[in-house]
N, C-alpha and C. Protein backbone atom coordinates (compact mmCIF):
# COMPACT_ATOMS: atom_id res chain seq x y z
N ASP A 1 62.76 106.31 107.91
CA ASP A 1 63.30 107.12 109.00
C ASP A 1 62.31 108.22 109.35
N ASP A 2 62.18 108.51 110.66
CA ASP A 2 61.20 109.51 111.10
C ASP A 2 61.55 110.91 110.62
N ALA A 3 62.84 111.22 110.53
CA ALA A 3 63.22 112.55 110.03
C ALA A 3 62.82 112.74 108.58
N LEU A 4 62.99 111.71 107.76
CA LEU A 4 62.60 111.80 106.36
C LEU A 4 61.10 111.92 106.20
N LEU A 5 60.34 111.18 107.00
CA LEU A 5 58.88 111.25 106.93
C LEU A 5 58.37 112.62 107.38
N SER A 6 58.92 113.13 108.47
CA SER A 6 58.48 114.45 108.93
C SER A 6 58.84 115.54 107.93
N HIS A 7 60.01 115.41 107.31
CA HIS A 7 60.39 116.37 106.27
C HIS A 7 59.42 116.31 105.09
N GLY A 8 59.01 115.09 104.70
CA GLY A 8 58.08 114.95 103.59
C GLY A 8 56.73 115.54 103.89
N PHE A 9 56.16 115.22 105.05
CA PHE A 9 54.85 115.75 105.40
C PHE A 9 54.87 117.27 105.56
N THR A 10 55.98 117.80 106.03
CA THR A 10 56.09 119.25 106.22
C THR A 10 56.20 119.98 104.89
N SER A 11 57.03 119.47 103.98
CA SER A 11 57.30 120.17 102.73
C SER A 11 56.22 119.94 101.67
N PHE A 12 55.53 118.82 101.71
CA PHE A 12 54.54 118.53 100.68
C PHE A 12 53.37 119.50 100.72
N PHE A 13 52.97 119.92 101.90
CA PHE A 13 51.77 120.75 102.04
C PHE A 13 52.09 122.06 102.77
N ALA A 14 53.25 122.62 102.47
CA ALA A 14 53.66 123.87 103.14
C ALA A 14 52.78 125.04 102.75
N VAL A 15 52.27 125.04 101.52
CA VAL A 15 51.40 126.14 101.09
C VAL A 15 50.07 126.09 101.79
N ALA A 16 49.52 124.90 101.99
CA ALA A 16 48.20 124.77 102.62
C ALA A 16 48.25 125.09 104.11
N SER A 17 49.32 124.73 104.78
CA SER A 17 49.43 124.97 106.22
C SER A 17 50.86 125.37 106.57
N PRO A 18 51.19 126.65 106.42
CA PRO A 18 52.56 127.10 106.70
C PRO A 18 52.98 126.91 108.15
N TRP A 19 52.03 126.87 109.09
CA TRP A 19 52.38 126.74 110.50
C TRP A 19 53.03 125.38 110.79
N VAL A 20 52.77 124.40 109.92
CA VAL A 20 53.37 123.09 110.13
C VAL A 20 54.90 123.16 110.03
N CYS A 21 55.41 124.04 109.17
CA CYS A 21 56.87 124.19 109.04
C CYS A 21 57.48 124.68 110.35
N ALA A 22 56.83 125.67 110.97
CA ALA A 22 57.34 126.17 112.25
C ALA A 22 57.24 125.11 113.34
N ALA A 23 56.12 124.37 113.34
CA ALA A 23 55.98 123.30 114.34
C ALA A 23 57.01 122.21 114.14
N SER A 24 57.29 121.87 112.89
CA SER A 24 58.30 120.85 112.60
C SER A 24 59.69 121.33 113.01
N LEU A 25 59.98 122.60 112.79
CA LEU A 25 61.27 123.15 113.20
C LEU A 25 61.46 123.08 114.71
N VAL A 26 60.42 123.45 115.45
CA VAL A 26 60.50 123.37 116.91
C VAL A 26 60.65 121.93 117.38
N GLY A 27 59.90 121.01 116.73
CA GLY A 27 60.01 119.61 117.09
C GLY A 27 61.39 119.04 116.82
N CYS A 28 61.98 119.40 115.67
CA CYS A 28 63.34 118.93 115.36
C CYS A 28 64.36 119.50 116.33
N TRP A 29 64.17 120.75 116.74
CA TRP A 29 65.10 121.35 117.69
C TRP A 29 65.03 120.65 119.05
N ILE A 30 63.81 120.36 119.51
CA ILE A 30 63.64 119.66 120.79
C ILE A 30 64.24 118.25 120.70
N GLU A 31 64.00 117.56 119.59
CA GLU A 31 64.54 116.21 119.43
C GLU A 31 66.07 116.23 119.39
N THR A 32 66.65 117.25 118.76
CA THR A 32 68.10 117.37 118.70
C THR A 32 68.70 117.59 120.08
N VAL A 33 68.06 118.44 120.88
CA VAL A 33 68.55 118.70 122.24
C VAL A 33 68.46 117.44 123.09
N LEU A 34 67.34 116.71 122.99
CA LEU A 34 67.19 115.49 123.78
C LEU A 34 68.19 114.42 123.36
N ASP A 35 68.39 114.28 122.05
CA ASP A 35 69.39 113.31 121.58
C ASP A 35 70.79 113.67 122.02
N MET A 36 71.10 114.96 122.01
CA MET A 36 72.42 115.41 122.45
C MET A 36 72.64 115.11 123.93
N LYS A 37 71.62 115.38 124.74
CA LYS A 37 71.74 115.07 126.17
C LYS A 37 71.90 113.57 126.39
N SER A 38 71.15 112.78 125.62
CA SER A 38 71.22 111.33 125.77
C SER A 38 72.58 110.78 125.37
N LEU A 39 73.14 111.31 124.26
CA LEU A 39 74.44 110.82 123.81
C LEU A 39 75.57 111.24 124.74
N LEU A 40 75.45 112.40 125.35
CA LEU A 40 76.51 112.90 126.22
C LEU A 40 76.46 112.31 127.62
N ASP A 41 75.27 112.01 128.12
CA ASP A 41 75.13 111.63 129.52
C ASP A 41 74.75 110.17 129.75
N ASN A 42 73.95 109.59 128.85
CA ASN A 42 73.36 108.29 129.14
C ASN A 42 73.85 107.16 128.26
N ARG A 43 74.52 107.46 127.16
CA ARG A 43 74.90 106.41 126.24
C ARG A 43 76.39 106.51 125.90
N GLN A 44 76.89 105.42 125.37
CA GLN A 44 78.26 105.43 124.90
C GLN A 44 78.35 106.18 123.57
N ARG A 45 79.43 106.89 123.39
CA ARG A 45 79.60 107.66 122.17
C ARG A 45 79.63 106.72 120.96
N PRO A 46 78.81 107.00 119.94
CA PRO A 46 78.81 106.13 118.76
C PRO A 46 80.14 106.18 118.02
N ILE A 47 80.51 105.05 117.44
CA ILE A 47 81.77 104.95 116.71
C ILE A 47 81.53 105.32 115.25
N PRO A 48 82.19 106.35 114.74
CA PRO A 48 81.99 106.72 113.33
C PRO A 48 82.69 105.74 112.41
N TYR A 49 82.16 105.60 111.22
CA TYR A 49 82.77 104.75 110.21
C TYR A 49 82.68 105.44 108.87
N ARG A 50 83.63 105.13 108.01
CA ARG A 50 83.71 105.77 106.71
C ARG A 50 82.64 105.22 105.78
N ALA A 51 82.14 106.08 104.91
CA ALA A 51 81.15 105.69 103.90
C ALA A 51 81.51 106.39 102.59
N ARG A 52 81.24 105.72 101.50
CA ARG A 52 81.58 106.29 100.20
C ARG A 52 80.66 107.45 99.83
N SER A 53 79.43 107.44 100.31
CA SER A 53 78.48 108.50 99.99
C SER A 53 77.41 108.54 101.07
N ASN A 54 76.49 109.45 100.90
CA ASN A 54 75.39 109.62 101.85
C ASN A 54 74.12 108.92 101.38
N GLU A 55 74.27 108.02 100.42
CA GLU A 55 73.10 107.32 99.90
C GLU A 55 72.58 106.33 100.94
N PRO A 56 71.25 106.08 100.92
CA PRO A 56 70.24 106.58 99.97
C PRO A 56 69.59 107.88 100.39
N TRP A 57 70.12 108.53 101.44
CA TRP A 57 69.44 109.71 101.98
C TRP A 57 69.51 110.90 101.03
N SER A 58 70.63 111.09 100.34
CA SER A 58 70.73 112.22 99.41
C SER A 58 69.69 112.11 98.30
N THR A 59 69.56 110.93 97.73
CA THR A 59 68.56 110.73 96.67
C THR A 59 67.16 110.89 97.20
N ALA A 60 66.91 110.40 98.42
CA ALA A 60 65.57 110.50 99.00
C ALA A 60 65.17 111.95 99.24
N TYR A 61 66.06 112.72 99.82
CA TYR A 61 65.74 114.13 100.07
C TYR A 61 65.65 114.91 98.76
N ASP A 62 66.45 114.55 97.78
CA ASP A 62 66.37 115.21 96.48
C ASP A 62 65.02 114.93 95.83
N LEU A 63 64.58 113.68 95.89
CA LEU A 63 63.28 113.32 95.34
C LEU A 63 62.14 113.99 96.09
N TYR A 64 62.27 114.07 97.41
CA TYR A 64 61.25 114.76 98.21
C TYR A 64 61.17 116.24 97.84
N GLY A 65 62.30 116.85 97.54
CA GLY A 65 62.28 118.26 97.16
C GLY A 65 61.53 118.50 95.86
N VAL A 66 61.76 117.64 94.87
CA VAL A 66 61.06 117.78 93.59
C VAL A 66 59.56 117.55 93.77
N LEU A 67 59.19 116.52 94.52
CA LEU A 67 57.77 116.25 94.75
C LEU A 67 57.11 117.35 95.56
N ALA A 68 57.83 117.90 96.53
CA ALA A 68 57.27 118.99 97.34
C ALA A 68 57.03 120.23 96.49
N ALA A 69 57.95 120.54 95.59
CA ALA A 69 57.74 121.68 94.70
C ALA A 69 56.51 121.47 93.82
N SER A 70 56.33 120.26 93.31
CA SER A 70 55.19 119.96 92.45
C SER A 70 53.87 120.06 93.22
N THR A 71 53.81 119.46 94.40
CA THR A 71 52.56 119.49 95.17
C THR A 71 52.20 120.90 95.63
N ASN A 72 53.19 121.69 96.00
CA ASN A 72 52.90 123.05 96.46
C ASN A 72 52.43 123.93 95.31
N ILE A 73 53.05 123.78 94.13
CA ILE A 73 52.58 124.54 92.97
C ILE A 73 51.17 124.11 92.58
N PHE A 74 50.91 122.81 92.63
CA PHE A 74 49.58 122.30 92.30
C PHE A 74 48.53 122.85 93.26
N LEU A 75 48.82 122.85 94.55
CA LEU A 75 47.87 123.39 95.53
C LEU A 75 47.68 124.89 95.35
N LEU A 76 48.76 125.59 95.04
CA LEU A 76 48.67 127.04 94.88
C LEU A 76 47.81 127.42 93.69
N ILE A 77 47.88 126.64 92.62
CA ILE A 77 47.15 127.00 91.40
C ILE A 77 45.72 126.46 91.41
N PHE A 78 45.56 125.19 91.79
CA PHE A 78 44.26 124.54 91.64
C PHE A 78 43.38 124.63 92.89
N ALA A 79 43.97 124.88 94.07
CA ALA A 79 43.17 124.89 95.29
C ALA A 79 42.98 126.28 95.88
N SER A 80 43.76 127.26 95.47
CA SER A 80 43.60 128.60 96.03
C SER A 80 42.53 129.37 95.26
N LYS A 81 42.07 130.44 95.90
CA LYS A 81 41.02 131.26 95.29
C LYS A 81 41.57 132.33 94.34
N GLU A 82 42.87 132.45 94.27
CA GLU A 82 43.46 133.49 93.42
C GLU A 82 43.27 133.20 91.94
N TYR A 83 43.09 131.93 91.59
CA TYR A 83 42.96 131.55 90.18
C TYR A 83 41.58 130.97 89.88
N ASP A 84 40.55 131.42 90.63
CA ASP A 84 39.19 130.91 90.39
C ASP A 84 38.66 131.35 89.03
N SER A 85 39.09 132.52 88.55
CA SER A 85 38.61 133.02 87.27
C SER A 85 39.27 132.34 86.08
N TRP A 86 40.32 131.58 86.31
CA TRP A 86 41.01 130.89 85.22
C TRP A 86 40.33 129.56 84.93
N ASN A 87 40.36 129.17 83.67
CA ASN A 87 39.80 127.85 83.34
C ASN A 87 40.86 126.77 83.58
N TYR A 88 40.45 125.53 83.38
CA TYR A 88 41.33 124.40 83.68
C TYR A 88 42.57 124.39 82.78
N THR A 89 42.41 124.75 81.52
CA THR A 89 43.55 124.74 80.59
C THR A 89 44.59 125.77 80.98
N GLU A 90 44.15 126.97 81.36
CA GLU A 90 45.09 128.02 81.76
C GLU A 90 45.84 127.63 83.04
N LYS A 91 45.12 127.03 83.97
CA LYS A 91 45.79 126.57 85.19
C LYS A 91 46.82 125.49 84.89
N LEU A 92 46.46 124.57 84.01
CA LEU A 92 47.38 123.48 83.68
C LEU A 92 48.63 124.01 82.98
N VAL A 93 48.45 124.98 82.08
CA VAL A 93 49.61 125.57 81.39
C VAL A 93 50.52 126.29 82.38
N LEU A 94 49.93 127.03 83.32
CA LEU A 94 50.73 127.72 84.33
C LEU A 94 51.48 126.72 85.22
N PHE A 95 50.82 125.63 85.58
CA PHE A 95 51.47 124.61 86.40
C PHE A 95 52.67 124.00 85.67
N ILE A 96 52.49 123.65 84.40
CA ILE A 96 53.58 123.05 83.63
C ILE A 96 54.73 124.04 83.47
N TYR A 97 54.39 125.31 83.24
CA TYR A 97 55.42 126.33 83.06
C TYR A 97 56.25 126.51 84.33
N LEU A 98 55.58 126.67 85.48
CA LEU A 98 56.31 126.86 86.73
C LEU A 98 57.12 125.63 87.10
N GLU A 99 56.56 124.45 86.83
CA GLU A 99 57.30 123.22 87.13
C GLU A 99 58.58 123.13 86.31
N HIS A 100 58.49 123.47 85.03
CA HIS A 100 59.68 123.42 84.18
C HIS A 100 60.70 124.49 84.59
N MET A 101 60.23 125.66 85.00
CA MET A 101 61.15 126.70 85.45
C MET A 101 61.94 126.25 86.68
N ILE A 102 61.27 125.58 87.60
CA ILE A 102 61.95 125.09 88.79
C ILE A 102 62.97 124.02 88.44
N LEU A 103 62.61 123.10 87.55
CA LEU A 103 63.54 122.05 87.16
C LEU A 103 64.76 122.62 86.42
N ILE A 104 64.52 123.61 85.55
CA ILE A 104 65.63 124.24 84.83
C ILE A 104 66.55 124.98 85.80
N ALA A 105 65.97 125.71 86.75
CA ALA A 105 66.78 126.41 87.74
C ALA A 105 67.59 125.43 88.58
N ARG A 106 67.00 124.29 88.88
CA ARG A 106 67.71 123.26 89.64
C ARG A 106 68.91 122.72 88.86
N LEU A 107 68.72 122.48 87.56
CA LEU A 107 69.82 121.99 86.73
C LEU A 107 70.93 123.04 86.59
N VAL A 108 70.54 124.30 86.43
CA VAL A 108 71.54 125.37 86.31
C VAL A 108 72.37 125.50 87.58
N LEU A 109 71.71 125.42 88.74
CA LEU A 109 72.44 125.50 90.00
C LEU A 109 73.39 124.32 90.18
N ARG A 110 72.99 123.15 89.70
CA ARG A 110 73.87 121.99 89.81
C ARG A 110 75.09 122.14 88.90
N LEU A 111 74.90 122.78 87.75
CA LEU A 111 76.05 123.01 86.87
C LEU A 111 76.99 124.06 87.46
N ILE A 112 76.43 125.08 88.10
CA ILE A 112 77.27 126.14 88.67
C ILE A 112 77.97 125.65 89.93
N PHE A 113 77.24 124.93 90.78
CA PHE A 113 77.79 124.43 92.04
C PHE A 113 77.70 122.90 92.04
N PRO A 114 78.66 122.22 91.45
CA PRO A 114 78.62 120.75 91.41
C PRO A 114 78.78 120.16 92.81
N GLN A 115 78.27 118.94 92.97
CA GLN A 115 78.37 118.28 94.27
C GLN A 115 79.82 117.96 94.62
N VAL A 116 80.61 117.59 93.63
CA VAL A 116 82.04 117.31 93.85
C VAL A 116 82.85 118.37 93.11
N PRO A 117 83.61 119.22 93.80
CA PRO A 117 84.40 120.25 93.11
C PRO A 117 85.43 119.64 92.16
N GLY A 118 85.87 120.45 91.21
CA GLY A 118 86.81 119.95 90.21
C GLY A 118 88.14 119.55 90.80
N ASN A 119 88.64 120.29 91.80
CA ASN A 119 89.93 119.91 92.39
C ASN A 119 89.85 118.60 93.15
N VAL A 120 88.67 118.29 93.72
CA VAL A 120 88.50 117.01 94.41
C VAL A 120 88.49 115.87 93.39
N GLU A 121 87.84 116.07 92.26
CA GLU A 121 87.85 115.05 91.20
C GLU A 121 89.27 114.81 90.69
N LEU A 122 90.04 115.90 90.58
CA LEU A 122 91.43 115.76 90.14
C LEU A 122 92.25 114.94 91.13
N LEU A 123 92.07 115.20 92.43
CA LEU A 123 92.79 114.43 93.44
C LEU A 123 92.36 112.96 93.43
N GLN A 124 91.08 112.70 93.21
CA GLN A 124 90.62 111.31 93.13
C GLN A 124 91.24 110.59 91.93
N LEU A 125 91.34 111.30 90.81
CA LEU A 125 91.95 110.70 89.63
C LEU A 125 93.42 110.39 89.87
N LYS A 126 94.12 111.30 90.51
CA LYS A 126 95.53 111.05 90.82
C LYS A 126 95.69 109.88 91.78
N GLN A 127 94.81 109.80 92.77
CA GLN A 127 94.91 108.72 93.73
C GLN A 127 94.64 107.37 93.06
N GLU A 128 93.63 107.30 92.21
CA GLU A 128 93.35 106.05 91.50
C GLU A 128 94.53 105.64 90.62
N HIS A 129 95.16 106.61 89.99
CA HIS A 129 96.32 106.30 89.16
C HIS A 129 97.48 105.77 90.00
N MET A 130 97.72 106.38 91.15
CA MET A 130 98.81 105.93 92.01
C MET A 130 98.53 104.54 92.58
N VAL A 131 97.27 104.28 92.97
CA VAL A 131 96.93 102.95 93.50
C VAL A 131 97.11 101.89 92.42
N HIS A 132 96.66 102.19 91.20
CA HIS A 132 96.82 101.23 90.11
C HIS A 132 98.30 100.98 89.82
N ARG A 133 99.10 102.02 89.87
CA ARG A 133 100.53 101.87 89.60
C ARG A 133 101.21 101.03 90.67
N CYS A 134 100.81 101.20 91.93
CA CYS A 134 101.41 100.42 93.01
C CYS A 134 100.97 98.96 92.97
N LEU A 135 99.68 98.73 92.70
CA LEU A 135 99.19 97.35 92.68
C LEU A 135 99.75 96.56 91.51
N GLU A 136 99.94 97.22 90.39
CA GLU A 136 100.46 96.54 89.20
C GLU A 136 101.98 96.59 89.12
N ASN A 137 102.63 97.21 90.11
CA ASN A 137 104.09 97.32 90.15
C ASN A 137 104.63 97.98 88.88
N ILE A 138 104.00 99.12 88.55
CA ILE A 138 104.41 99.86 87.36
C ILE A 138 105.42 100.92 87.78
N LYS A 139 106.58 100.89 87.17
CA LYS A 139 107.62 101.86 87.49
C LYS A 139 107.35 103.17 86.77
N VAL A 140 107.73 104.26 87.42
CA VAL A 140 107.53 105.58 86.85
C VAL A 140 108.67 105.89 85.91
N GLU A 141 108.34 106.25 84.70
CA GLU A 141 109.35 106.63 83.72
C GLU A 141 109.78 108.07 83.94
N GLN A 142 110.99 108.37 83.50
CA GLN A 142 111.53 109.70 83.72
C GLN A 142 110.74 110.76 82.97
N ASN A 143 110.37 110.46 81.75
CA ASN A 143 109.69 111.44 80.89
C ASN A 143 108.22 111.11 80.73
N GLN A 144 107.60 110.58 81.78
CA GLN A 144 106.19 110.24 81.69
C GLN A 144 105.34 111.50 81.66
N ASP A 145 104.34 111.49 80.80
CA ASP A 145 103.50 112.68 80.59
C ASP A 145 102.33 112.63 81.56
N PHE A 146 102.26 113.65 82.42
CA PHE A 146 101.16 113.76 83.35
C PHE A 146 100.25 114.93 83.01
N SER A 147 100.24 115.35 81.78
CA SER A 147 99.43 116.51 81.40
C SER A 147 97.94 116.25 81.54
N MET A 148 97.54 114.97 81.42
CA MET A 148 96.11 114.67 81.51
C MET A 148 95.58 114.89 82.93
N PHE A 149 96.48 114.95 83.92
CA PHE A 149 96.04 115.14 85.29
C PHE A 149 96.14 116.60 85.73
N ARG A 150 96.57 117.45 84.83
CA ARG A 150 96.72 118.85 85.21
C ARG A 150 95.44 119.60 84.87
N ASP A 151 95.08 120.49 85.75
CA ASP A 151 93.93 121.35 85.54
C ASP A 151 94.42 122.79 85.61
N HIS A 152 94.58 123.41 84.45
CA HIS A 152 95.16 124.75 84.40
C HIS A 152 94.21 125.81 84.93
N ARG A 153 92.94 125.46 85.02
CA ARG A 153 91.98 126.46 85.47
C ARG A 153 91.93 126.57 86.98
N SER A 154 92.35 125.54 87.68
CA SER A 154 92.25 125.55 89.14
C SER A 154 93.52 126.13 89.76
N SER A 155 93.39 126.57 90.99
CA SER A 155 94.52 127.13 91.71
C SER A 155 95.34 126.00 92.31
N ASN A 156 96.41 126.38 93.02
CA ASN A 156 97.28 125.38 93.63
C ASN A 156 96.50 124.58 94.67
N ILE A 157 96.73 123.27 94.67
CA ILE A 157 96.02 122.38 95.57
C ILE A 157 96.89 122.15 96.80
N GLN A 158 96.30 122.34 97.96
CA GLN A 158 97.04 122.14 99.20
C GLN A 158 97.07 120.66 99.53
N VAL A 159 98.26 120.11 99.72
CA VAL A 159 98.46 118.70 100.02
C VAL A 159 99.04 118.60 101.41
N PHE A 160 98.41 117.81 102.27
CA PHE A 160 98.85 117.65 103.64
C PHE A 160 99.82 116.48 103.75
N ASP A 161 100.68 116.54 104.76
CA ASP A 161 101.64 115.46 104.97
C ASP A 161 100.97 114.19 105.47
N GLN A 162 99.87 114.32 106.17
CA GLN A 162 99.16 113.15 106.68
C GLN A 162 97.67 113.44 106.65
N ASP A 163 96.91 112.39 106.85
CA ASP A 163 95.46 112.52 106.83
C ASP A 163 95.02 113.31 108.05
N ILE A 164 94.30 114.42 107.81
CA ILE A 164 93.88 115.25 108.94
C ILE A 164 92.82 114.57 109.79
N MET A 165 92.20 113.50 109.24
CA MET A 165 91.19 112.77 110.01
C MET A 165 91.82 111.81 111.00
N ASP A 166 93.12 111.47 110.81
CA ASP A 166 93.81 110.56 111.72
C ASP A 166 94.36 111.36 112.89
N ARG A 167 93.84 111.12 114.05
CA ARG A 167 94.29 111.85 115.22
C ARG A 167 95.50 111.17 115.84
N GLU A 168 96.26 111.96 116.53
CA GLU A 168 97.41 111.42 117.25
C GLU A 168 96.93 110.75 118.53
N ASP A 169 97.79 109.90 119.07
CA ASP A 169 97.45 109.21 120.30
C ASP A 169 97.27 110.20 121.43
N GLY A 170 96.19 110.02 122.16
CA GLY A 170 95.93 110.91 123.30
C GLY A 170 95.21 112.18 122.92
N ASP A 171 94.93 112.37 121.66
CA ASP A 171 94.23 113.59 121.23
C ASP A 171 92.75 113.28 121.11
N ASP A 172 92.01 113.50 122.18
CA ASP A 172 90.58 113.22 122.20
C ASP A 172 89.76 114.49 122.29
N ARG A 173 90.31 115.58 121.87
CA ARG A 173 89.58 116.84 121.94
C ARG A 173 88.42 116.85 120.94
N GLU A 174 87.31 117.35 121.41
CA GLU A 174 86.14 117.45 120.55
C GLU A 174 86.29 118.63 119.60
N PRO A 175 85.88 118.48 118.35
CA PRO A 175 85.94 119.64 117.43
C PRO A 175 84.96 120.72 117.85
N GLU A 176 85.38 121.96 117.68
CA GLU A 176 84.55 123.10 118.06
C GLU A 176 83.99 123.76 116.80
N PHE A 177 82.74 124.17 116.91
CA PHE A 177 82.07 124.82 115.78
C PHE A 177 82.35 126.31 115.83
N ASP A 178 82.87 126.83 114.73
CA ASP A 178 83.17 128.26 114.62
C ASP A 178 82.39 128.81 113.44
N LEU A 179 81.34 129.58 113.73
CA LEU A 179 80.48 130.11 112.68
C LEU A 179 81.22 131.10 111.80
N THR A 180 82.07 131.93 112.38
CA THR A 180 82.81 132.92 111.59
C THR A 180 83.76 132.24 110.61
N ALA A 181 84.48 131.24 111.08
CA ALA A 181 85.40 130.52 110.19
C ALA A 181 84.64 129.78 109.09
N SER A 182 83.49 129.21 109.44
CA SER A 182 82.70 128.50 108.44
C SER A 182 82.20 129.45 107.37
N MET A 183 81.72 130.62 107.75
CA MET A 183 81.26 131.60 106.77
C MET A 183 82.42 132.09 105.91
N HIS A 184 83.61 132.22 106.51
CA HIS A 184 84.79 132.65 105.74
C HIS A 184 85.16 131.60 104.70
N VAL A 185 85.15 130.33 105.09
CA VAL A 185 85.46 129.26 104.14
C VAL A 185 84.41 129.19 103.04
N LEU A 186 83.13 129.36 103.40
CA LEU A 186 82.07 129.35 102.40
C LEU A 186 82.24 130.48 101.40
N ARG A 187 82.58 131.69 101.89
CA ARG A 187 82.77 132.83 100.98
C ARG A 187 83.96 132.59 100.05
N GLU A 188 85.05 132.05 100.58
CA GLU A 188 86.21 131.77 99.73
C GLU A 188 85.87 130.73 98.66
N GLY A 189 85.10 129.70 99.04
CA GLY A 189 84.71 128.69 98.06
C GLY A 189 83.85 129.25 96.96
N LEU A 190 82.89 130.12 97.33
CA LEU A 190 82.02 130.74 96.32
C LEU A 190 82.82 131.65 95.40
N GLU A 191 83.75 132.42 95.96
CA GLU A 191 84.58 133.30 95.13
C GLU A 191 85.46 132.49 94.19
N GLU A 192 86.01 131.39 94.68
CA GLU A 192 86.86 130.54 93.83
C GLU A 192 86.05 129.92 92.69
N GLU A 193 84.84 129.42 93.02
CA GLU A 193 84.01 128.81 91.98
C GLU A 193 83.54 129.84 90.96
N ALA A 194 83.18 131.05 91.44
CA ALA A 194 82.78 132.11 90.51
C ALA A 194 83.92 132.52 89.60
N GLY A 195 85.14 132.60 90.15
CA GLY A 195 86.31 132.93 89.33
C GLY A 195 86.58 131.87 88.28
N ARG A 196 86.41 130.59 88.65
CA ARG A 196 86.62 129.52 87.67
C ARG A 196 85.59 129.57 86.55
N ILE A 197 84.33 129.86 86.91
CA ILE A 197 83.28 129.92 85.88
C ILE A 197 83.50 131.09 84.95
N LEU A 198 83.85 132.26 85.52
CA LEU A 198 84.10 133.43 84.68
C LEU A 198 85.33 133.20 83.80
N GLY A 199 86.38 132.56 84.34
CA GLY A 199 87.57 132.26 83.53
C GLY A 199 87.27 131.27 82.43
N ARG A 200 86.36 130.32 82.70
CA ARG A 200 85.99 129.35 81.69
C ARG A 200 85.23 130.02 80.54
N LYS A 201 84.40 131.03 80.86
CA LYS A 201 83.66 131.73 79.81
C LYS A 201 84.58 132.55 78.92
N HIS A 202 85.63 133.17 79.55
CA HIS A 202 86.57 133.97 78.77
C HIS A 202 87.51 133.07 77.97
């Protein structure tokens, strides 16, 4: 994909030519505007379909990020004039140290902010249990223990009466982007995750 290739070329050598990042940003913005005009005026609206994940793009961009960090650190240490007085062994030790620090920070951030929140995993587990029970025609006992599905650390989970993705007939309104609401939801999510982590430590 051209977006993945442009992202790779931009991030791999950002230290050597920082202006490429700005040029890539402008190019992506122009391409986005042209695609938006084309989709709205000249083409039929694409039909969305459900997917289990964003693979293989998530893995590709994740791999590109690790490689970009390595190449930029390598260029900064071995190709810049700031470390001309250092010998090869000192440069190599510094490169290995910085590389490991980045990888450790990446792992710590993944532990603090998991890709799938705990309440979503809990809902998935409940759904799988209900589907299995319906397919196997398993009757619910009166005193059945559901303690394994309870998460005492999480707050109350909001359950909707119907799927919010299913629109009613005649409802073709386009969703509107609200930056203030998005920032509010992001702040609430971060506060909730921080509270769960602090509660887990105590």
